[in-house]
Amino acid sequence: MDKSKVEKEAKEVLDNFVGALKKIKTSSDDDNFYVFRDEFEREENDETCVGFKSKLLGNAPNKNDDFVIAEKGAWKNG
């Protein structure tokens, strides 16, 4: 698949989505983006995500033992 074509299609999708969001009417009360809950923290327990580490490292293109090697700022454009 052509990279420039995918980028162009992704930009169109995002632009359409942003345009749709801009059309939504909000009141001044909607400026507060807080949700107040009685329980706002999860309880800690001894459960672990079995296989998480191996899945994470298995998907990493560059790794060293137990660490993912990433180029600093490579995800930024510009």
Protein backbone atom coordinates (compact mmCIF):
# COMPACT_ATOMS: atom_id res chain seq x y z
CA MET A 1 0.00 0.00 0.00
CA ASP A 2 1.26 3.47 -0.89
CA LYS A 3 2.34 5.40 2.22
CA SER A 4 1.35 8.80 0.84
CA LYS A 5 -2.11 7.50 -0.06
CA VAL A 6 -2.63 6.15 3.47
CA GLU A 7 -1.43 9.43 4.99
CA LYS A 8 -3.80 11.41 2.73
CA GLU A 9 -6.78 9.18 3.63
CA ALA A 10 -5.96 9.34 7.35
CA LYS A 11 -5.75 13.14 7.18
CA GLU A 12 -9.14 13.28 5.44
CA VAL A 13 -10.71 11.07 8.12
CA LEU A 14 -9.27 13.20 10.92
CA ASP A 15 -10.26 16.46 9.22
CA ASN A 16 -13.82 15.18 8.78
CA PHE A 17 -13.92 14.11 12.42
CA VAL A 18 -12.64 17.49 13.63
CA GLY A 19 -15.21 19.22 11.44
CA ALA A 20 -17.99 17.10 12.94
CA LEU A 21 -16.79 17.89 16.47
CA LYS A 22 -16.77 21.62 15.74
CA LYS A 23 -20.45 21.44 14.76
CA ILE A 24 -21.49 20.18 18.20
CA LYS A 25 -23.19 22.88 20.22
CA THR A 26 -22.02 23.19 23.82
CA SER A 27 -23.02 25.46 26.65
CA SER A 28 -20.61 27.36 28.84
CA ASP A 29 -21.23 24.72 31.53
CA ASP A 30 -19.58 22.15 29.26
CA ASP A 31 -16.22 23.84 29.68
CA ASN A 32 -15.60 21.78 32.81
CA PHE A 33 -14.29 18.38 31.84
CA TYR A 34 -14.27 16.88 35.30
CA VAL A 35 -16.16 13.85 36.48
CA PHE A 36 -16.59 13.60 40.22
CA ARG A 37 -16.89 10.09 41.57
CA ASP A 38 -17.14 8.57 45.02
CA GLU A 39 -14.41 6.11 44.14
CA PHE A 40 -11.81 7.69 41.91
CA GLU A 41 -8.92 5.33 42.52
CA ARG A 42 -8.77 1.65 41.78
CA GLU A 43 -7.84 -0.79 44.46
CA GLU A 44 -4.40 -2.28 44.14
CA ASN A 45 -4.09 -6.04 44.20
CA ASP A 46 -1.47 -8.67 43.60
CA GLU A 47 -2.82 -9.67 40.19
CA THR A 48 -0.45 -9.36 37.27
CA CYS A 49 -1.15 -9.28 33.56
CA VAL A 50 0.08 -12.71 32.57
CA GLY A 51 2.10 -12.52 29.38
CA PHE A 52 2.02 -8.72 29.13
CA LYS A 53 5.78 -8.33 29.24
CA SER A 54 6.42 -10.99 26.63
CA LYS A 55 3.72 -9.55 24.35
CA LEU A 56 5.11 -6.03 24.73
CA LEU A 57 8.67 -7.11 24.03
CA GLY A 58 7.48 -9.39 21.22
CA ASN A 59 5.94 -6.39 19.43
CA ALA A 60 8.96 -4.13 19.92
CA PRO A 61 11.16 -3.88 16.82
CA ASN A 62 14.23 -3.03 18.94
CA LYS A 63 14.80 -4.46 22.39
CA ASN A 64 17.59 -5.35 24.76
CA ASP A 65 16.82 -8.01 27.35
CA ASP A 66 13.91 -6.53 29.33
CA PHE A 67 13.92 -3.08 27.72
CA VAL A 68 12.40 -1.54 24.61
CA ILE A 69 14.90 0.60 22.73
CA ALA A 70 13.28 3.66 21.19
CA GLU A 71 14.77 6.59 19.36
CA LYS A 72 14.16 9.74 21.37
CA GLY A 73 11.61 11.94 19.62
CA ALA A 74 11.29 9.68 16.57
CA TRP A 75 7.51 9.85 16.89
CA LYS A 76 7.47 13.63 16.40
CA ASN A 77 6.93 15.26 13.03
CA GLY A 78 9.46 17.99 12.46
